[in-house]
Amino acid sequence: MATQLGDKIRELRINQKMLLRHVASKLDMDTSIVSKIERGDRSIKKELIPLLAEILKTEKEELLTLWLADQVYNVIKDEQQADEALKSVSRKIKNRK
């Protein structure tokens, strides 16, 4: 299943006319792994997000946000109370500021 981050990576790569192998080479990984990341079959390590942002000439904060959103989704996607849990966390984060 596609992920928000994977979709964004593909969009940025295609818009810049970059091939999968170019991105893979700069990340020092196999082309097939980057393809799996784009498709949502594999996640990327958080530590690689700043380098990926540099490669794709985009804001690392946006990619980090999408990475985190995908992580949260994977944890709660099958939970019946997912929406209420997210609202609770959102309130807690807002109160912390």
PDB file of N, CA and C in Angstrom:
ATOM      1  N   MET A   1       0.833  -1.185   0.000  1.00  0.00           N
ATOM      2  CA  MET A   1       0.000   0.000   0.000  1.00  0.00           C
ATOM      3  C   MET A   1       0.880   1.252   0.000  1.00  0.00           C
ATOM      4  N   ALA A   2       0.526   2.197  -0.802  1.00  0.00           N
ATOM      5  CA  ALA A   2       1.302   3.429  -0.910  1.00  0.00           C
ATOM      6  C   ALA A   2       1.278   4.192   0.406  1.00  0.00           C
ATOM      7  N   THR A   3       2.321   4.957   0.624  1.00  0.00           N
ATOM      8  CA  THR A   3       2.415   5.805   1.804  1.00  0.00           C
ATOM      9  C   THR A   3       2.465   7.259   1.366  1.00  0.00           C
ATOM     10  N   GLN A   4       2.189   8.140   2.288  1.00  0.00           N
ATOM     11  CA  GLN A   4       2.263   9.567   1.960  1.00  0.00           C
ATOM     12  C   GLN A   4       3.688   9.942   1.556  1.00  0.00           C
ATOM     13  N   LEU A   5       4.665   9.435   2.305  1.00  0.00           N
ATOM     14  CA  LEU A   5       6.056   9.748   1.990  1.00  0.00           C
ATOM     15  C   LEU A   5       6.460   9.134   0.657  1.00  0.00           C
ATOM     16  N   GLY A   6       6.094   7.888   0.430  1.00  0.00           N
ATOM     17  CA  GLY A   6       6.437   7.227  -0.827  1.00  0.00           C
ATOM     18  C   GLY A   6       5.862   7.957  -2.023  1.00  0.00           C
ATOM     19  N   ASP A   7       4.613   8.366  -1.897  1.00  0.00           N
ATOM     20  CA  ASP A   7       3.980   9.121  -2.986  1.00  0.00           C
ATOM     21  C   ASP A   7       4.708  10.437  -3.237  1.00  0.00           C
ATOM     22  N   LYS A   8       5.108  11.107  -2.169  1.00  0.00           N
ATOM     23  CA  LYS A   8       5.793  12.397  -2.306  1.00  0.00           C
ATOM     24  C   LYS A   8       7.175  12.204  -2.942  1.00  0.00           C
ATOM     25  N   ILE A   9       7.872  11.169  -2.528  1.00  0.00           N
ATOM     26  CA  ILE A   9       9.192  10.891  -3.103  1.00  0.00           C
ATOM     27  C   ILE A   9       9.060  10.663  -4.608  1.00  0.00           C
ATOM     28  N   ARG A  10       8.107   9.829  -4.991  1.00  0.00           N
ATOM     29  CA  ARG A  10       7.890   9.547  -6.421  1.00  0.00           C
ATOM     30  C   ARG A  10       7.549  10.823  -7.181  1.00  0.00           C
ATOM     31  N   GLU A  11       6.637  11.621  -6.622  1.00  0.00           N
ATOM     32  CA  GLU A  11       6.230  12.872  -7.272  1.00  0.00           C
ATOM     33  C   GLU A  11       7.428  13.796  -7.485  1.00  0.00           C
ATOM     34  N   LEU A  12       8.220  13.998  -6.447  1.00  0.00           N
ATOM     35  CA  LEU A  12       9.388  14.883  -6.553  1.00  0.00           C
ATOM     36  C   LEU A  12      10.408  14.326  -7.543  1.00  0.00           C
ATOM     37  N   ARG A  13      10.650  13.038  -7.480  1.00  0.00           N
ATOM     38  CA  ARG A  13      11.634  12.408  -8.370  1.00  0.00           C
ATOM     39  C   ARG A  13      11.204  12.546  -9.823  1.00  0.00           C
ATOM     40  N   ILE A  14       9.948  12.264 -10.104  1.00  0.00           N
ATOM     41  CA  ILE A  14       9.450  12.338 -11.479  1.00  0.00           C
ATOM     42  C   ILE A  14       9.443  13.781 -11.977  1.00  0.00           C
ATOM     43  N   ASN A  15       9.025  14.707 -11.129  1.00  0.00           N
ATOM     44  CA  ASN A  15       9.010  16.123 -11.522  1.00  0.00           C
ATOM     45  C   ASN A  15      10.401  16.642 -11.855  1.00  0.00           C
ATOM     46  N   GLN A  16      11.409  16.047 -11.231  1.00  0.00           N
ATOM     47  CA  GLN A  16      12.785  16.464 -11.505  1.00  0.00           C
ATOM     48  C   GLN A  16      13.459  15.577 -12.547  1.00  0.00           C
ATOM     49  N   LYS A  17      12.649  14.691 -13.142  1.00  0.00           N
ATOM     50  CA  LYS A  17      13.139  13.800 -14.196  1.00  0.00           C
ATOM     51  C   LYS A  17      14.331  12.959 -13.725  1.00  0.00           C
ATOM     52  N   MET A  18      14.239  12.503 -12.475  1.00  0.00           N
ATOM     53  CA  MET A  18      15.282  11.640 -11.917  1.00  0.00           C
ATOM     54  C   MET A  18      14.827  10.191 -11.995  1.00  0.00           C
ATOM     55  N   LEU A  19      15.740   9.329 -12.332  1.00  0.00           N
ATOM     56  CA  LEU A  19      15.455   7.904 -12.363  1.00  0.00           C
ATOM     57  C   LEU A  19      15.646   7.319 -10.966  1.00  0.00           C
ATOM     58  N   LEU A  20      14.975   6.209 -10.720  1.00  0.00           N
ATOM     59  CA  LEU A  20      15.129   5.524  -9.438  1.00  0.00           C
ATOM     60  C   LEU A  20      16.596   5.242  -9.134  1.00  0.00           C
ATOM     61  N   ARG A  21      17.334   4.832 -10.155  1.00  0.00           N
ATOM     62  CA  ARG A  21      18.744   4.475  -9.923  1.00  0.00           C
ATOM     63  C   ARG A  21      19.582   5.668  -9.491  1.00  0.00           C
ATOM     64  N   HIS A  22      19.193   6.881  -9.920  1.00  0.00           N
ATOM     65  CA  HIS A  22      19.938   8.071  -9.498  1.00  0.00           C
ATOM     66  C   HIS A  22      19.721   8.336  -8.015  1.00  0.00           C
ATOM     67  N   VAL A  23      18.481   8.254  -7.579  1.00  0.00           N
ATOM     68  CA  VAL A  23      18.174   8.460  -6.160  1.00  0.00           C
ATOM     69  C   VAL A  23      18.826   7.353  -5.333  1.00  0.00           C
ATOM     70  N   ALA A  24      18.703   6.127  -5.788  1.00  0.00           N
ATOM     71  CA  ALA A  24      19.285   4.988  -5.071  1.00  0.00           C
ATOM     72  C   ALA A  24      20.794   5.141  -4.911  1.00  0.00           C
ATOM     73  N   SER A  25      21.440   5.553  -5.969  1.00  0.00           N
ATOM     74  CA  SER A  25      22.891   5.732  -5.936  1.00  0.00           C
ATOM     75  C   SER A  25      23.294   6.771  -4.888  1.00  0.00           C
ATOM     76  N   LYS A  26      22.571   7.880  -4.831  1.00  0.00           N
ATOM     77  CA  LYS A  26      22.889   8.943  -3.879  1.00  0.00           C
ATOM     78  C   LYS A  26      22.571   8.547  -2.439  1.00  0.00           C
ATOM     79  N   LEU A  27      21.619   7.612  -2.278  1.00  0.00           N
ATOM     80  CA  LEU A  27      21.290   7.109  -0.943  1.00  0.00           C
ATOM     81  C   LEU A  27      22.130   5.887  -0.580  1.00  0.00           C
ATOM     82  N   ASP A  28      22.937   5.428  -1.537  1.00  0.00           N
ATOM     83  CA  ASP A  28      23.782   4.251  -1.363  1.00  0.00           C
ATOM     84  C   ASP A  28      22.944   3.011  -1.042  1.00  0.00           C
ATOM     85  N   MET A  29      21.909   2.796  -1.858  1.00  0.00           N
ATOM     86  CA  MET A  29      21.074   1.611  -1.698  1.00  0.00           C
ATOM     87  C   MET A  29      20.641   1.097  -3.060  1.00  0.00           C
ATOM     88  N   ASP A  30      20.090  -0.103  -3.069  1.00  0.00           N
ATOM     89  CA  ASP A  30      19.604  -0.715  -4.304  1.00  0.00           C
ATOM     90  C   ASP A  30      18.409   0.047  -4.865  1.00  0.00           C
ATOM     91  N   THR A  31      18.322   0.058  -6.178  1.00  0.00           N
ATOM     92  CA  THR A  31      17.183   0.662  -6.856  1.00  0.00           C
ATOM     93  C   THR A  31      15.877   0.012  -6.397  1.00  0.00           C
ATOM     94  N   SER A  32      15.900  -1.300  -6.208  1.00  0.00           N
ATOM     95  CA  SER A  32      14.684  -2.014  -5.806  1.00  0.00           C
ATOM     96  C   SER A  32      14.199  -1.555  -4.432  1.00  0.00           C
ATOM     97  N   ILE A  33      15.094  -1.179  -3.567  1.00  0.00           N
ATOM     98  CA  ILE A  33      14.703  -0.705  -2.230  1.00  0.00           C
ATOM     99  C   ILE A  33      14.009   0.649  -2.341  1.00  0.00           C
ATOM    100  N   VAL A  34      14.549   1.537  -3.148  1.00  0.00           N
ATOM    101  CA  VAL A  34      13.910   2.845  -3.342  1.00  0.00           C
ATOM    102  C   VAL A  34      12.535   2.653  -3.961  1.00  0.00           C
ATOM    103  N   SER A  35      12.428   1.735  -4.899  1.00  0.00           N
ATOM    104  CA  SER A  35      11.132   1.443  -5.507  1.00  0.00           C
ATOM    105  C   SER A  35      10.144   0.947  -4.449  1.00  0.00           C
ATOM    106  N   LYS A  36      10.591   0.085  -3.569  1.00  0.00           N
ATOM    107  CA  LYS A  36       9.728  -0.424  -2.493  1.00  0.00           C
ATOM    108  C   LYS A  36       9.322   0.694  -1.531  1.00  0.00           C
ATOM    109  N   ILE A  37      10.220   1.621  -1.276  1.00  0.00           N
ATOM    110  CA  ILE A  37       9.897   2.768  -0.418  1.00  0.00           C
ATOM    111  C   ILE A  37       8.804   3.606  -1.074  1.00  0.00           C
ATOM    112  N   GLU A  38       8.960   3.870  -2.360  1.00  0.00           N
ATOM    113  CA  GLU A  38       7.945   4.642  -3.082  1.00  0.00           C
ATOM    114  C   GLU A  38       6.580   3.947  -3.091  1.00  0.00           C
ATOM    115  N   ARG A  39       6.574   2.633  -3.193  1.00  0.00           N
ATOM    116  CA  ARG A  39       5.319   1.870  -3.235  1.00  0.00           C
ATOM    117  C   ARG A  39       4.721   1.652  -1.845  1.00  0.00           C
ATOM    118  N   GLY A  40       5.512   1.924  -0.808  1.00  0.00           N
ATOM    119  CA  GLY A  40       5.031   1.710   0.557  1.00  0.00           C
ATOM    120  C   GLY A  40       5.254   0.303   1.062  1.00  0.00           C
ATOM    121  N   ASP A  41       6.051  -0.473   0.350  1.00  0.00           N
ATOM    122  CA  ASP A  41       6.348  -1.834   0.770  1.00  0.00           C
ATOM    123  C   ASP A  41       7.493  -1.895   1.773  1.00  0.00           C
ATOM    124  N   ARG A  42       8.169  -0.780   1.939  1.00  0.00           N
ATOM    125  CA  ARG A  42       9.307  -0.709   2.860  1.00  0.00           C
ATOM    126  C   ARG A  42       9.401   0.721   3.368  1.00  0.00           C
ATOM    127  N   SER A  43       9.839   0.881   4.607  1.00  0.00           N
ATOM    128  CA  SER A  43       9.995   2.239   5.124  1.00  0.00           C
ATOM    129  C   SER A  43      11.462   2.646   5.051  1.00  0.00           C
ATOM    130  N   ILE A  44      11.671   3.930   5.079  1.00  0.00           N
ATOM    131  CA  ILE A  44      13.025   4.472   5.041  1.00  0.00           C
ATOM    132  C   ILE A  44      13.413   4.878   6.461  1.00  0.00           C
ATOM    133  N   LYS A  45      14.672   4.757   6.784  1.00  0.00           N
ATOM    134  CA  LYS A  45      15.144   5.158   8.107  1.00  0.00           C
ATOM    135  C   LYS A  45      15.051   6.677   8.241  1.00  0.00           C
ATOM    136  N   LYS A  46      14.634   7.096   9.396  1.00  0.00           N
ATOM    137  CA  LYS A  46      14.474   8.527   9.669  1.00  0.00           C
ATOM    138  C   LYS A  46      15.770   9.296   9.398  1.00  0.00           C
ATOM    139  N   GLU A  47      16.886   8.668   9.694  1.00  0.00           N
ATOM    140  CA  GLU A  47      18.190   9.325   9.534  1.00  0.00           C
ATOM    141  C   GLU A  47      18.497   9.675   8.076  1.00  0.00           C
ATOM    142  N   LEU A  48      17.827   9.011   7.135  1.00  0.00           N
ATOM    143  CA  LEU A  48      18.078   9.272   5.717  1.00  0.00           C
ATOM    144  C   LEU A  48      17.217  10.400   5.151  1.00  0.00           C
ATOM    145  N   ILE A  49      16.243  10.860   5.921  1.00  0.00           N
ATOM    146  CA  ILE A  49      15.323  11.888   5.421  1.00  0.00           C
ATOM    147  C   ILE A  49      16.050  13.186   5.045  1.00  0.00           C
ATOM    148  N   PRO A  50      16.967  13.714   5.870  1.00  0.00           N
ATOM    149  CA  PRO A  50      17.660  14.953   5.461  1.00  0.00           C
ATOM    150  C   PRO A  50      18.416  14.798   4.138  1.00  0.00           C
ATOM    151  N   LEU A  51      19.081  13.666   3.942  1.00  0.00           N
ATOM    152  CA  LEU A  51      19.795  13.428   2.688  1.00  0.00           C
ATOM    153  C   LEU A  51      18.809  13.316   1.530  1.00  0.00           C
ATOM    154  N   LEU A  52      17.711  12.632   1.751  1.00  0.00           N
ATOM    155  CA  LEU A  52      16.691  12.501   0.718  1.00  0.00           C
ATOM    156  C   LEU A  52      16.129  13.865   0.329  1.00  0.00           C
ATOM    157  N   ALA A  53      15.897  14.712   1.316  1.00  0.00           N
ATOM    158  CA  ALA A  53      15.399  16.065   1.045  1.00  0.00           C
ATOM    159  C   ALA A  53      16.401  16.846   0.196  1.00  0.00           C
ATOM    160  N   GLU A  54      17.656  16.689   0.505  1.00  0.00           N
ATOM    161  CA  GLU A  54      18.703  17.365  -0.267  1.00  0.00           C
ATOM    162  C   GLU A  54      18.730  16.850  -1.711  1.00  0.00           C
ATOM    163  N   ILE A  55      18.658  15.550  -1.866  1.00  0.00           N
ATOM    164  CA  ILE A  55      18.673  14.931  -3.199  1.00  0.00           C
ATOM    165  C   ILE A  55      17.485  15.423  -4.024  1.00  0.00           C
ATOM    166  N   LEU A  56      16.313  15.478  -3.392  1.00  0.00           N
ATOM    167  CA  LEU A  56      15.087  15.846  -4.099  1.00  0.00           C
ATOM    168  C   LEU A  56      14.788  17.341  -4.056  1.00  0.00           C
ATOM    169  N   LYS A  57      15.708  18.102  -3.475  1.00  0.00           N
ATOM    170  CA  LYS A  57      15.585  19.568  -3.418  1.00  0.00           C
ATOM    171  C   LYS A  57      14.239  20.008  -2.825  1.00  0.00           C
ATOM    172  N   THR A  58      13.984  19.523  -1.625  1.00  0.00           N
ATOM    173  CA  THR A  58      12.744  19.863  -0.935  1.00  0.00           C
ATOM    174  C   THR A  58      13.035  20.074   0.543  1.00  0.00           C
ATOM    175  N   GLU A  59      12.032  20.520   1.276  1.00  0.00           N
ATOM    176  CA  GLU A  59      12.181  20.785   2.705  1.00  0.00           C
ATOM    177  C   GLU A  59      12.194  19.476   3.492  1.00  0.00           C
ATOM    178  N   LYS A  60      13.196  19.318   4.338  1.00  0.00           N
ATOM    179  CA  LYS A  60      13.268  18.085   5.124  1.00  0.00           C
ATOM    180  C   LYS A  60      12.114  17.997   6.112  1.00  0.00           C
ATOM    181  N   GLU A  61      11.605  19.141   6.591  1.00  0.00           N
ATOM    182  CA  GLU A  61      10.493  19.129   7.541  1.00  0.00           C
ATOM    183  C   GLU A  61       9.248  18.487   6.927  1.00  0.00           C
ATOM    184  N   GLU A  62       9.007  18.764   5.649  1.00  0.00           N
ATOM    185  CA  GLU A  62       7.849  18.161   4.986  1.00  0.00           C
ATOM    186  C   GLU A  62       8.003  16.641   4.902  1.00  0.00           C
ATOM    187  N   LEU A  63       9.195  16.192   4.515  1.00  0.00           N
ATOM    188  CA  LEU A  63       9.422  14.755   4.413  1.00  0.00           C
ATOM    189  C   LEU A  63       9.379  14.094   5.782  1.00  0.00           C
ATOM    190  N   LEU A  64       9.918  14.761   6.796  1.00  0.00           N
ATOM    191  CA  LEU A  64       9.861  14.214   8.153  1.00  0.00           C
ATOM    192  C   LEU A  64       8.421  14.115   8.649  1.00  0.00           C
ATOM    193  N   THR A  65       7.611  15.110   8.331  1.00  0.00           N
ATOM    194  CA  THR A  65       6.204  15.085   8.722  1.00  0.00           C
ATOM    195  C   THR A  65       5.486  13.907   8.071  1.00  0.00           C
ATOM    196  N   LEU A  66       5.724  13.695   6.787  1.00  0.00           N
ATOM    197  CA  LEU A  66       5.097  12.579   6.088  1.00  0.00           C
ATOM    198  C   LEU A  66       5.607  11.242   6.618  1.00  0.00           C
ATOM    199  N   TRP A  67       6.894  11.165   6.930  1.00  0.00           N
ATOM    200  CA  TRP A  67       7.476   9.946   7.501  1.00  0.00           C
ATOM    201  C   TRP A  67       6.796   9.617   8.826  1.00  0.00           C
ATOM    202  N   LEU A  68       6.661  10.630   9.679  1.00  0.00           N
ATOM    203  CA  LEU A  68       6.048  10.421  10.988  1.00  0.00           C
ATOM    204  C   LEU A  68       4.570  10.051  10.845  1.00  0.00           C
ATOM    205  N   ALA A  69       3.872  10.715   9.949  1.00  0.00           N
ATOM    206  CA  ALA A  69       2.456  10.400   9.715  1.00  0.00           C
ATOM    207  C   ALA A  69       2.303   8.941   9.276  1.00  0.00           C
ATOM    208  N   ASP A  70       3.193   8.471   8.427  1.00  0.00           N
ATOM    209  CA  ASP A  70       3.145   7.076   7.995  1.00  0.00           C
ATOM    210  C   ASP A  70       3.415   6.127   9.161  1.00  0.00           C
ATOM    211  N   GLN A  71       4.349   6.503  10.033  1.00  0.00           N
ATOM    212  CA  GLN A  71       4.658   5.664  11.196  1.00  0.00           C
ATOM    213  C   GLN A  71       3.449   5.548  12.119  1.00  0.00           C
ATOM    214  N   VAL A  72       2.814   6.682  12.383  1.00  0.00           N
ATOM    215  CA  VAL A  72       1.634   6.692  13.248  1.00  0.00           C
ATOM    216  C   VAL A  72       0.521   5.867  12.612  1.00  0.00           C
ATOM    217  N   TYR A  73       0.299   6.068  11.340  1.00  0.00           N
ATOM    218  CA  TYR A  73      -0.750   5.330  10.629  1.00  0.00           C
ATOM    219  C   TYR A  73      -0.540   3.820  10.748  1.00  0.00           C
ATOM    220  N   ASN A  74       0.697   3.384  10.560  1.00  0.00           N
ATOM    221  CA  ASN A  74       0.981   1.952  10.624  1.00  0.00           C
ATOM    222  C   ASN A  74       0.690   1.366  12.001  1.00  0.00           C
ATOM    223  N   VAL A  75       0.857   2.158  13.035  1.00  0.00           N
ATOM    224  CA  VAL A  75       0.597   1.676  14.389  1.00  0.00           C
ATOM    225  C   VAL A  75      -0.898   1.592  14.677  1.00  0.00           C
ATOM    226  N   ILE A  76      -1.675   2.564  14.198  1.00  0.00           N
ATOM    227  CA  ILE A  76      -3.075   2.648  14.625  1.00  0.00           C
ATOM    228  C   ILE A  76      -4.105   2.283  13.562  1.00  0.00           C
ATOM    229  N   LYS A  77      -3.687   1.971  12.357  1.00  0.00           N
ATOM    230  CA  LYS A  77      -4.620   1.796  11.238  1.00  0.00           C
ATOM    231  C   LYS A  77      -5.722   0.773  11.486  1.00  0.00           C
ATOM    232  N   ASP A  78      -5.460  -0.249  12.254  1.00  0.00           N
ATOM    233  CA  ASP A  78      -6.453  -1.297  12.475  1.00  0.00           C
ATOM    234  C   ASP A  78      -7.197  -1.150  13.803  1.00  0.00           C
ATOM    235  N   GLU A  79      -6.929  -0.080  14.506  1.00  0.00           N
ATOM    236  CA  GLU A  79      -7.551   0.136  15.815  1.00  0.00           C
ATOM    237  C   GLU A  79      -8.896   0.836  15.658  1.00  0.00           C
ATOM    238  N   GLN A  80      -9.884   0.339  16.352  1.00  0.00           N
ATOM    239  CA  GLN A  80     -11.216   0.914  16.285  1.00  0.00           C
ATOM    240  C   GLN A  80     -11.250   2.349  16.825  1.00  0.00           C
ATOM    241  N   GLN A  81     -10.444   2.634  17.810  1.00  0.00           N
ATOM    242  CA  GLN A  81     -10.442   3.944  18.455  1.00  0.00           C
ATOM    243  C   GLN A  81      -9.339   4.863  17.915  1.00  0.00           C
ATOM    244  N   ALA A  82      -8.859   4.592  16.718  1.00  0.00           N
ATOM    245  CA  ALA A  82      -7.744   5.351  16.144  1.00  0.00           C
ATOM    246  C   ALA A  82      -8.025   6.850  16.098  1.00  0.00           C
ATOM    247  N   ASP A  83      -9.198   7.223  15.618  1.00  0.00           N
ATOM    248  CA  ASP A  83      -9.526   8.638  15.479  1.00  0.00           C
ATOM    249  C   ASP A  83      -9.540   9.339  16.839  1.00  0.00           C
ATOM    250  N   GLU A  84     -10.158   8.718  17.821  1.00  0.00           N
ATOM    251  CA  GLU A  84     -10.209   9.310  19.169  1.00  0.00           C
ATOM    252  C   GLU A  84      -8.814   9.395  19.782  1.00  0.00           C
ATOM    253  N   ALA A  85      -8.001   8.384  19.545  1.00  0.00           N
ATOM    254  CA  ALA A  85      -6.632   8.392  20.055  1.00  0.00           C
ATOM    255  C   ALA A  85      -5.833   9.538  19.445  1.00  0.00           C
ATOM    256  N   LEU A  86      -5.994   9.747  18.147  1.00  0.00           N
ATOM    257  CA  LEU A  86      -5.288  10.851  17.481  1.00  0.00           C
ATOM    258  C   LEU A  86      -5.738  12.201  18.027  1.00  0.00           C
ATOM    259  N   LYS A  87      -7.023  12.349  18.268  1.00  0.00           N
ATOM    260  CA  LYS A  87      -7.538  13.602  18.832  1.00  0.00           C
ATOM    261  C   LYS A  87      -6.962  13.831  20.217  1.00  0.00           C
ATOM    262  N   SER A  88      -6.872  12.778  21.008  1.00  0.00           N
ATOM    263  CA  SER A  88      -6.313  12.883  22.356  1.00  0.00           C
ATOM    264  C   SER A  88      -4.845  13.300  22.311  1.00  0.00           C
ATOM    265  N   VAL A  89      -4.095  12.685  21.421  1.00  0.00           N
ATOM    266  CA  VAL A  89      -2.673  13.028  21.279  1.00  0.00           C
ATOM    267  C   VAL A  89      -2.526  14.462  20.794  1.00  0.00           C
ATOM    268  N   SER A  90      -3.356  14.866  19.849  1.00  0.00           N
ATOM    269  CA  SER A  90      -3.299  16.232  19.323  1.00  0.00           C
ATOM    270  C   SER A  90      -3.540  17.251  20.440  1.00  0.00           C
ATOM    271  N   ARG A  91      -4.541  16.977  21.278  1.00  0.00           N
ATOM    272  CA  ARG A  91      -4.812  17.887  22.412  1.00  0.00           C
ATOM    273  C   ARG A  91      -3.617  17.949  23.356  1.00  0.00           C
ATOM    274  N   LYS A  92      -3.031  16.790  23.622  1.00  0.00           N
ATOM    275  CA  LYS A  92      -1.886  16.734  24.537  1.00  0.00           C
ATOM    276  C   LYS A  92      -0.705  17.532  23.973  1.00  0.00           C
ATOM    277  N   ILE A  93      -0.472  17.413  22.696  1.00  0.00           N
ATOM    278  CA  ILE A  93       0.630  18.146  22.055  1.00  0.00           C
ATOM    279  C   ILE A  93       0.355  19.653  22.118  1.00  0.00           C
ATOM    280  N   LYS A  94      -0.883  20.059  21.850  1.00  0.00           N
ATOM    281  CA  LYS A  94      -1.230  21.489  21.893  1.00  0.00           C
ATOM    282  C   LYS A  94      -1.085  22.050  23.299  1.00  0.00           C
ATOM    283  N   ASN A  95      -1.454  21.276  24.302  1.00  0.00           N
ATOM    284  CA  ASN A  95      -1.349  21.735  25.699  1.00  0.00           C
ATOM    285  C   ASN A  95       0.101  21.827  26.162  1.00  0.00           C
ATOM    286  N   ARG A  96       0.968  21.088  25.544  1.00  0.00           N
ATOM    287  CA  ARG A  96       2.382  21.084  25.906  1.00  0.00           C
ATOM    288  C   ARG A  96       3.084  22.358  25.474  1.00  0.00           C
ATOM    289  N   LYS A  97       2.563  23.013  24.467  1.00  0.00           N
ATOM    290  CA  LYS A  97       3.229  24.201  23.900  1.00  0.00           C
ATOM    291  C   LYS A  97       3.071  25.411  24.784  1.00  0.00           C
TER     292      LYS A  97
END
